[in-house]
């Protein structure tokens, strides 16, 4: 299993709600029309103003996307299927693409 976290920042001029609405109702359906559904495809939106967010307004992203694939080959195949201009053009509608970051992570749970 391979897990990737993507950190996305909304395009200047969009509210957090407009960003989330566009992502959920336009971009996700577009992506899934071009690529297979990963084992996990979650979008986690920052709740600005929450007391637990100690960085406050300085948080540098608006959404953490979690993707899980069976293996690196599946990840590579999924990424290759997204390498089309239509996806990139759509992202420019709501994402600050220069601020996008993605990382493969090693998940562990429980004690020890």
N, C-alpha and C. Protein backbone atom coordinates (compact mmCIF):
# COMPACT_ATOMS: atom_id res chain seq x y z
N UNK A 1 0.84 -1.17 0.00
CA UNK A 1 0.00 0.00 0.00
C UNK A 1 0.89 1.24 0.00
N UNK A 2 0.47 2.26 -0.73
CA UNK A 2 1.19 3.53 -0.76
C UNK A 2 0.19 4.67 -0.55
N UNK A 3 0.55 5.56 0.37
CA UNK A 3 -0.33 6.68 0.72
C UNK A 3 0.36 7.98 0.36
N UNK A 4 -0.44 8.90 -0.20
CA UNK A 4 0.06 10.22 -0.59
C UNK A 4 -0.84 11.27 0.04
N UNK A 5 -0.22 12.29 0.64
CA UNK A 5 -0.94 13.46 1.11
C UNK A 5 -0.61 14.61 0.18
N UNK A 6 -1.62 15.27 -0.33
CA UNK A 6 -1.45 16.48 -1.14
C UNK A 6 -1.97 17.67 -0.38
N UNK A 7 -1.23 18.75 -0.41
CA UNK A 7 -1.61 19.98 0.29
C UNK A 7 -1.92 21.04 -0.76
N UNK A 8 -3.17 21.48 -0.80
CA UNK A 8 -3.64 22.38 -1.83
C UNK A 8 -4.07 23.72 -1.22
N UNK A 9 -3.72 24.77 -1.91
CA UNK A 9 -4.09 26.13 -1.49
C UNK A 9 -5.07 26.68 -2.51
N UNK A 10 -6.10 27.32 -2.02
CA UNK A 10 -7.12 27.86 -2.93
C UNK A 10 -6.57 29.06 -3.70
N UNK A 11 -7.13 29.26 -4.86
CA UNK A 11 -6.76 30.38 -5.71
C UNK A 11 -7.23 31.69 -5.05
N UNK A 12 -6.40 32.69 -5.16
CA UNK A 12 -6.74 34.01 -4.59
C UNK A 12 -8.09 34.46 -5.12
N UNK A 13 -8.90 34.99 -4.23
CA UNK A 13 -10.22 35.48 -4.61
C UNK A 13 -11.35 34.51 -4.31
N UNK A 14 -11.03 33.25 -4.03
CA UNK A 14 -12.06 32.26 -3.68
C UNK A 14 -12.17 32.16 -2.16
N UNK A 15 -13.38 32.07 -1.67
CA UNK A 15 -13.58 31.80 -0.25
C UNK A 15 -13.30 30.33 0.01
N UNK A 16 -13.07 29.95 1.26
CA UNK A 16 -12.90 28.52 1.55
C UNK A 16 -14.09 27.69 1.08
N UNK A 17 -15.30 28.21 1.23
CA UNK A 17 -16.48 27.45 0.80
C UNK A 17 -16.56 27.33 -0.71
N UNK A 18 -16.24 28.41 -1.43
CA UNK A 18 -16.23 28.34 -2.90
C UNK A 18 -15.19 27.35 -3.39
N UNK A 19 -14.02 27.34 -2.76
CA UNK A 19 -12.96 26.39 -3.09
C UNK A 19 -13.45 24.96 -2.90
N UNK A 20 -14.00 24.66 -1.72
CA UNK A 20 -14.48 23.30 -1.42
C UNK A 20 -15.60 22.89 -2.37
N UNK A 21 -16.53 23.80 -2.63
CA UNK A 21 -17.65 23.49 -3.52
C UNK A 21 -17.16 23.16 -4.93
N UNK A 22 -16.22 23.95 -5.43
CA UNK A 22 -15.71 23.70 -6.78
C UNK A 22 -14.98 22.36 -6.81
N UNK A 23 -14.15 22.12 -5.81
CA UNK A 23 -13.38 20.87 -5.76
C UNK A 23 -14.32 19.68 -5.76
N UNK A 24 -15.32 19.70 -4.90
CA UNK A 24 -16.22 18.55 -4.75
C UNK A 24 -17.16 18.36 -5.94
N UNK A 25 -17.69 19.45 -6.48
CA UNK A 25 -18.76 19.34 -7.48
C UNK A 25 -18.28 19.44 -8.92
N UNK A 26 -17.05 19.92 -9.13
CA UNK A 26 -16.54 20.04 -10.49
C UNK A 26 -15.29 19.18 -10.70
N UNK A 27 -14.29 19.39 -9.84
CA UNK A 27 -13.01 18.75 -10.08
C UNK A 27 -13.02 17.24 -9.80
N UNK A 28 -13.57 16.84 -8.67
CA UNK A 28 -13.60 15.40 -8.35
C UNK A 28 -14.32 14.61 -9.44
N UNK A 29 -15.51 15.03 -9.88
CA UNK A 29 -16.15 14.28 -10.97
C UNK A 29 -15.31 14.24 -12.25
N UNK A 30 -14.63 15.36 -12.56
CA UNK A 30 -13.77 15.38 -13.75
C UNK A 30 -12.63 14.37 -13.60
N UNK A 31 -11.95 14.41 -12.47
CA UNK A 31 -10.83 13.49 -12.22
C UNK A 31 -11.29 12.04 -12.35
N UNK A 32 -12.42 11.73 -11.72
CA UNK A 32 -12.88 10.34 -11.73
C UNK A 32 -13.45 9.92 -13.08
N UNK A 33 -13.71 10.87 -13.96
CA UNK A 33 -14.11 10.51 -15.32
C UNK A 33 -12.90 10.15 -16.18
N UNK A 34 -11.70 10.53 -15.73
CA UNK A 34 -10.47 10.29 -16.48
C UNK A 34 -9.60 9.18 -15.88
N UNK A 35 -9.76 8.94 -14.59
CA UNK A 35 -8.88 7.99 -13.88
C UNK A 35 -9.72 7.07 -13.00
N UNK A 36 -9.15 5.94 -12.64
CA UNK A 36 -9.84 5.02 -11.75
C UNK A 36 -9.90 5.59 -10.33
N UNK A 37 -10.83 5.10 -9.55
CA UNK A 37 -10.97 5.54 -8.16
C UNK A 37 -9.88 4.88 -7.32
N UNK A 38 -9.03 5.67 -6.65
CA UNK A 38 -8.03 5.06 -5.75
C UNK A 38 -8.74 4.32 -4.61
N UNK A 39 -7.99 3.54 -3.85
CA UNK A 39 -8.56 2.85 -2.69
C UNK A 39 -9.15 3.87 -1.71
N UNK A 40 -8.49 5.00 -1.56
CA UNK A 40 -8.98 6.11 -0.73
C UNK A 40 -8.73 7.39 -1.52
N UNK A 41 -9.73 8.28 -1.52
CA UNK A 41 -9.59 9.61 -2.12
C UNK A 41 -10.41 10.55 -1.24
N UNK A 42 -9.76 11.07 -0.21
CA UNK A 42 -10.42 11.96 0.75
C UNK A 42 -9.90 13.37 0.60
N UNK A 43 -10.81 14.32 0.78
CA UNK A 43 -10.43 15.72 0.84
C UNK A 43 -10.76 16.23 2.23
N UNK A 44 -9.75 16.78 2.90
CA UNK A 44 -9.88 17.27 4.27
C UNK A 44 -9.64 18.78 4.25
N UNK A 45 -10.69 19.55 4.52
CA UNK A 45 -10.61 21.00 4.42
C UNK A 45 -10.30 21.63 5.78
N UNK A 46 -9.37 22.58 5.78
CA UNK A 46 -9.00 23.30 7.00
C UNK A 46 -10.22 24.08 7.49
N UNK A 47 -10.48 23.98 8.76
CA UNK A 47 -11.55 24.74 9.38
C UNK A 47 -10.95 26.02 9.96
N UNK A 48 -10.88 27.04 9.14
CA UNK A 48 -10.28 28.31 9.55
C UNK A 48 -11.03 28.88 10.74
N UNK A 49 -10.26 29.42 11.68
CA UNK A 49 -10.83 30.04 12.87
C UNK A 49 -11.00 29.09 14.04
N UNK A 50 -10.76 27.80 13.84
CA UNK A 50 -10.88 26.85 14.95
C UNK A 50 -9.73 27.05 15.93
N UNK A 51 -10.02 27.00 17.21
CA UNK A 51 -9.02 27.26 18.25
C UNK A 51 -7.86 26.27 18.21
N UNK A 52 -8.06 25.08 17.71
CA UNK A 52 -6.98 24.09 17.64
C UNK A 52 -5.98 24.38 16.52
N UNK A 53 -6.33 25.22 15.59
CA UNK A 53 -5.44 25.57 14.48
C UNK A 53 -4.49 26.66 14.95
N UNK A 54 -3.40 26.25 15.59
CA UNK A 54 -2.54 27.22 16.26
C UNK A 54 -1.85 28.19 15.29
N UNK A 55 -1.76 27.86 14.02
CA UNK A 55 -1.17 28.78 13.05
C UNK A 55 -2.16 29.85 12.62
N UNK A 56 -3.41 29.70 12.96
CA UNK A 56 -4.41 30.69 12.59
C UNK A 56 -4.49 30.90 11.10
N UNK A 57 -4.53 32.16 10.68
CA UNK A 57 -4.64 32.48 9.26
C UNK A 57 -3.36 32.23 8.49
N UNK A 58 -2.29 31.87 9.18
CA UNK A 58 -1.00 31.63 8.52
C UNK A 58 -0.89 30.21 7.95
N UNK A 59 -1.89 29.36 8.16
CA UNK A 59 -1.87 28.01 7.61
C UNK A 59 -1.72 28.13 6.10
N UNK A 60 -0.76 27.43 5.53
CA UNK A 60 -0.38 27.64 4.13
C UNK A 60 -1.14 26.79 3.12
N UNK A 61 -2.14 26.06 3.56
CA UNK A 61 -2.94 25.26 2.63
C UNK A 61 -4.39 25.27 3.08
N UNK A 62 -5.28 24.89 2.19
CA UNK A 62 -6.71 24.89 2.48
C UNK A 62 -7.31 23.49 2.51
N UNK A 63 -6.62 22.54 1.89
CA UNK A 63 -7.15 21.18 1.82
C UNK A 63 -5.99 20.19 1.82
N UNK A 64 -6.15 19.14 2.60
CA UNK A 64 -5.20 18.04 2.56
C UNK A 64 -5.95 16.87 1.90
N UNK A 65 -5.45 16.48 0.74
CA UNK A 65 -6.05 15.36 0.02
C UNK A 65 -5.27 14.10 0.35
N UNK A 66 -5.99 13.06 0.69
CA UNK A 66 -5.39 11.77 1.03
C UNK A 66 -5.74 10.76 -0.05
N UNK A 67 -4.71 10.15 -0.62
CA UNK A 67 -4.88 9.15 -1.66
C UNK A 67 -4.17 7.87 -1.24
N UNK A 68 -4.82 6.74 -1.44
CA UNK A 68 -4.20 5.45 -1.13
C UNK A 68 -4.34 4.55 -2.35
N UNK A 69 -3.21 3.92 -2.69
CA UNK A 69 -3.14 3.01 -3.83
C UNK A 69 -2.58 1.67 -3.37
N UNK A 70 -2.89 0.63 -4.12
CA UNK A 70 -2.42 -0.71 -3.77
C UNK A 70 -0.90 -0.78 -3.81
N UNK A 71 -0.29 -0.08 -4.77
CA UNK A 71 1.17 -0.12 -4.91
C UNK A 71 1.63 1.07 -5.76
N UNK A 72 2.92 1.19 -5.92
CA UNK A 72 3.50 2.31 -6.68
C UNK A 72 3.06 2.27 -8.15
N UNK A 73 2.89 1.08 -8.70
CA UNK A 73 2.43 0.99 -10.09
C UNK A 73 1.05 1.62 -10.26
N UNK A 74 0.15 1.37 -9.30
CA UNK A 74 -1.18 1.99 -9.36
C UNK A 74 -1.08 3.51 -9.23
N UNK A 75 -0.22 3.98 -8.32
CA UNK A 75 -0.01 5.42 -8.18
C UNK A 75 0.51 6.01 -9.49
N UNK A 76 1.49 5.38 -10.08
CA UNK A 76 2.06 5.87 -11.34
C UNK A 76 1.02 5.88 -12.45
N UNK A 77 0.21 4.84 -12.53
CA UNK A 77 -0.83 4.77 -13.56
C UNK A 77 -1.87 5.87 -13.34
N UNK A 78 -2.23 6.12 -12.09
CA UNK A 78 -3.21 7.16 -11.79
C UNK A 78 -2.65 8.53 -12.16
N UNK A 79 -1.41 8.79 -11.78
CA UNK A 79 -0.78 10.08 -12.10
C UNK A 79 -0.68 10.28 -13.61
N UNK A 80 -0.32 9.23 -14.32
CA UNK A 80 -0.20 9.32 -15.78
C UNK A 80 -1.55 9.65 -16.42
N UNK A 81 -2.61 9.09 -15.89
CA UNK A 81 -3.93 9.35 -16.46
C UNK A 81 -4.39 10.78 -16.19
N UNK A 82 -3.81 11.43 -15.18
CA UNK A 82 -4.17 12.82 -14.85
C UNK A 82 -3.30 13.83 -15.57
N UNK A 83 -2.31 13.37 -16.30
CA UNK A 83 -1.38 14.26 -16.96
C UNK A 83 -1.95 14.92 -18.20
N UNK A 84 -3.24 15.05 -18.25
CA UNK A 84 -3.86 15.64 -19.42
C UNK A 84 -4.13 17.13 -19.19
N UNK A 85 -4.17 17.88 -20.27
CA UNK A 85 -4.36 19.33 -20.18
C UNK A 85 -5.68 19.71 -19.53
N UNK A 86 -6.70 18.93 -19.74
CA UNK A 86 -8.03 19.27 -19.20
C UNK A 86 -7.99 19.35 -17.67
N UNK A 87 -7.28 18.43 -17.02
CA UNK A 87 -7.17 18.44 -15.56
C UNK A 87 -6.40 19.68 -15.11
N UNK A 88 -5.29 19.98 -15.75
CA UNK A 88 -4.48 21.15 -15.40
C UNK A 88 -5.28 22.43 -15.58
N UNK A 89 -6.01 22.54 -16.67
CA UNK A 89 -6.82 23.75 -16.90
C UNK A 89 -7.89 23.90 -15.83
N UNK A 90 -8.50 22.78 -15.44
CA UNK A 90 -9.53 22.85 -14.40
C UNK A 90 -8.93 23.26 -13.06
N UNK A 91 -7.75 22.74 -12.74
CA UNK A 91 -7.11 23.10 -11.47
C UNK A 91 -6.84 24.60 -11.40
N UNK A 92 -6.57 25.22 -12.52
CA UNK A 92 -6.30 26.66 -12.53
C UNK A 92 -7.53 27.47 -12.15
N UNK A 93 -8.72 26.86 -12.17
CA UNK A 93 -9.94 27.55 -11.77
C UNK A 93 -10.06 27.72 -10.26
N UNK A 94 -9.37 26.87 -9.48
CA UNK A 94 -9.59 26.93 -8.04
C UNK A 94 -8.36 26.69 -7.17
N UNK A 95 -7.25 26.24 -7.74
CA UNK A 95 -6.05 25.90 -6.97
C UNK A 95 -4.91 26.86 -7.33
N UNK A 96 -4.17 27.27 -6.32
CA UNK A 96 -2.88 27.95 -6.53
C UNK A 96 -1.88 26.84 -6.80
N UNK A 97 -1.70 26.50 -8.06
CA UNK A 97 -0.90 25.31 -8.43
C UNK A 97 0.55 25.43 -8.00
N UNK A 98 1.10 26.63 -7.95
CA UNK A 98 2.50 26.81 -7.53
C UNK A 98 2.69 26.45 -6.06
N UNK A 99 1.62 26.51 -5.28
CA UNK A 99 1.71 26.21 -3.85
C UNK A 99 1.40 24.75 -3.53
N UNK A 100 1.03 23.95 -4.53
CA UNK A 100 0.68 22.55 -4.30
C UNK A 100 1.90 21.75 -3.88
N UNK A 101 1.71 20.92 -2.87
CA UNK A 101 2.76 20.03 -2.38
C UNK A 101 2.15 18.63 -2.22
N UNK A 102 2.94 17.59 -2.46
CA UNK A 102 2.47 16.22 -2.27
C UNK A 102 3.63 15.38 -1.73
N UNK A 103 3.28 14.46 -0.81
CA UNK A 103 4.28 13.64 -0.15
C UNK A 103 3.79 12.21 0.01
N UNK A 104 4.65 11.26 -0.26
CA UNK A 104 4.37 9.87 0.11
C UNK A 104 4.67 9.76 1.60
N UNK A 105 3.75 9.13 2.35
CA UNK A 105 3.91 9.03 3.81
C UNK A 105 3.93 7.58 4.25
N UNK A 106 4.49 7.39 5.42
CA UNK A 106 4.55 6.07 6.08
C UNK A 106 3.60 6.14 7.26
N UNK A 107 2.43 5.51 7.13
CA UNK A 107 1.42 5.58 8.19
C UNK A 107 1.67 4.51 9.23
N UNK A 108 1.53 4.92 10.49
CA UNK A 108 1.61 3.97 11.61
C UNK A 108 0.50 4.32 12.58
N UNK A 109 -0.03 3.31 13.24
CA UNK A 109 -1.07 3.55 14.24
C UNK A 109 -0.83 2.72 15.48
N UNK A 110 -1.47 3.14 16.55
CA UNK A 110 -1.39 2.42 17.81
C UNK A 110 -0.07 2.64 18.53
N UNK A 111 0.04 2.05 19.68
CA UNK A 111 1.25 2.16 20.49
C UNK A 111 2.24 1.07 20.10
N UNK A 112 3.50 1.47 19.90
CA UNK A 112 4.58 0.51 19.65
C UNK A 112 4.55 -0.06 18.32
